[in-house]
Amino acid sequence: MSMKKTDLEKHLAKKLDGKLKSGNTPQRFGQGAAAAGTKADNKSKNAAPKLVQLTCKMPADLAQRLRERAVTIEGGVNAILARAAAQWLDSTAETAQKTEG
């Protein structure tokens, strides 16, 4: 005699419930949860600074000179442009302080 579909579903639900009750709690929910939190903290402390994509347009001859120079520098074009932007921002901040003071 075969079981009705509803009886079969009830039987499967009871089996699943029994497995859930008898199963062990994974470490990420039990005492190991504290250790997992410290791993995330360490990861965020050791993470590299966030990089943001920036697009700009410049004259072709300037872009070519930039590419040629980037070959010799570690980090390439990104490093050169980051350094140039930082120097420019620092110099404009100094000029602004001199004019205010």
Protein backbone atom coordinates (compact mmCIF):
# COMPACT_ATOMS: atom_id res chain seq x y z
CA MET A 1 0.00 0.00 0.00
CA SER A 2 1.51 3.32 -1.02
CA MET A 3 1.46 6.43 1.14
CA LYS A 4 -0.47 9.54 0.32
CA LYS A 5 1.56 12.55 -0.69
CA THR A 6 0.70 14.42 2.52
CA ASP A 7 1.69 11.42 4.67
CA LEU A 8 4.98 11.17 2.79
CA GLU A 9 5.70 14.87 3.39
CA LYS A 10 4.89 14.50 7.12
CA HIS A 11 7.25 11.52 7.35
CA LEU A 12 10.06 13.45 5.63
CA ALA A 13 9.47 16.42 7.94
CA LYS A 14 9.77 14.16 11.01
CA LYS A 15 13.03 12.72 9.68
CA LEU A 16 14.40 16.19 9.06
CA ASP A 17 13.31 17.37 12.51
CA GLY A 18 15.06 14.40 14.11
CA LYS A 19 18.27 15.16 12.23
CA LEU A 20 18.17 18.79 13.28
CA LYS A 21 17.63 17.91 16.95
CA SER A 22 20.40 15.32 17.04
CA GLY A 23 22.91 17.29 14.97
CA ASN A 24 25.87 19.11 16.46
CA THR A 25 26.01 22.89 16.47
CA PRO A 26 28.61 24.15 13.97
CA GLN A 27 31.58 26.02 15.46
CA ARG A 28 30.57 29.27 13.82
CA PHE A 29 27.47 29.36 16.05
CA GLY A 30 28.88 27.86 19.24
CA GLN A 31 32.02 28.67 21.18
CA GLY A 32 33.95 29.10 17.94
CA ALA A 33 31.89 32.21 17.14
CA ALA A 34 34.19 34.37 19.27
CA ALA A 35 37.23 33.12 17.36
CA ALA A 36 35.52 33.85 14.04
CA GLY A 37 34.96 37.43 15.16
CA THR A 38 38.63 37.93 15.90
CA LYS A 39 39.55 36.62 12.45
CA ALA A 40 37.30 39.23 10.86
CA ASP A 41 38.86 41.94 13.03
CA ASN A 42 42.37 40.85 12.01
CA LYS A 43 41.37 40.79 8.36
CA SER A 44 40.03 44.33 8.48
CA LYS A 45 43.19 45.57 10.21
CA ASN A 46 45.44 43.93 7.62
CA ALA A 47 43.34 45.00 4.63
CA ALA A 48 44.86 47.19 1.95
CA PRO A 49 43.45 50.67 1.49
CA LYS A 50 40.36 50.82 -0.65
CA LEU A 51 41.07 51.73 -4.25
CA VAL A 52 38.59 53.75 -6.29
CA GLN A 53 38.56 53.83 -10.07
CA LEU A 54 39.14 57.28 -11.51
CA THR A 55 38.86 58.21 -15.17
CA CYS A 56 40.38 61.33 -16.68
CA LYS A 57 41.13 62.73 -20.11
CA MET A 58 44.51 64.19 -21.02
CA PRO A 59 46.40 65.08 -24.18
CA ALA A 60 47.76 62.09 -26.09
CA ASP A 61 51.40 63.21 -25.86
CA LEU A 62 51.13 63.59 -22.08
CA ALA A 63 49.52 60.14 -21.77
CA GLN A 64 52.32 58.60 -23.85
CA ARG A 65 55.01 60.23 -21.69
CA LEU A 66 53.17 58.98 -18.60
CA ARG A 67 53.09 55.40 -19.93
CA GLU A 68 56.80 55.50 -20.78
CA ARG A 69 57.67 56.72 -17.27
CA ALA A 70 55.29 54.19 -15.64
CA VAL A 71 57.29 51.26 -17.01
CA THR A 72 60.22 52.17 -14.75
CA ILE A 73 58.19 52.72 -11.56
CA GLU A 74 56.65 50.06 -9.34
CA GLY A 75 52.87 50.41 -9.35
CA GLY A 76 52.79 51.84 -12.86
CA VAL A 77 50.49 54.62 -13.95
CA ASN A 78 48.35 54.26 -10.83
CA ALA A 79 51.28 54.95 -8.53
CA ILE A 80 52.46 57.94 -10.56
CA LEU A 81 49.02 59.54 -10.67
CA ALA A 82 48.40 58.89 -6.96
CA ARG A 83 51.74 60.49 -6.07
CA ALA A 84 51.12 63.47 -8.36
CA ALA A 85 47.62 64.05 -6.98
CA ALA A 86 48.87 63.84 -3.38
CA GLN A 87 51.68 66.33 -4.09
CA TRP A 88 49.29 68.71 -5.83
CA LEU A 89 46.74 68.54 -3.00
CA ASP A 90 49.47 69.11 -0.40
CA SER A 91 50.85 72.10 -2.31
CA THR A 92 47.41 73.68 -2.74
CA ALA A 93 46.68 73.18 0.95
CA GLU A 94 49.97 74.91 1.85
CA THR A 95 49.18 77.82 -0.47
CA ALA A 96 45.73 78.15 1.03
CA GLN A 97 47.18 78.24 4.55
CA LYS A 98 49.71 80.91 3.55
CA THR A 99 47.03 83.14 2.06
CA GLU A 100 44.77 82.73 5.11
CA GLY A 101 47.50 83.31 7.67
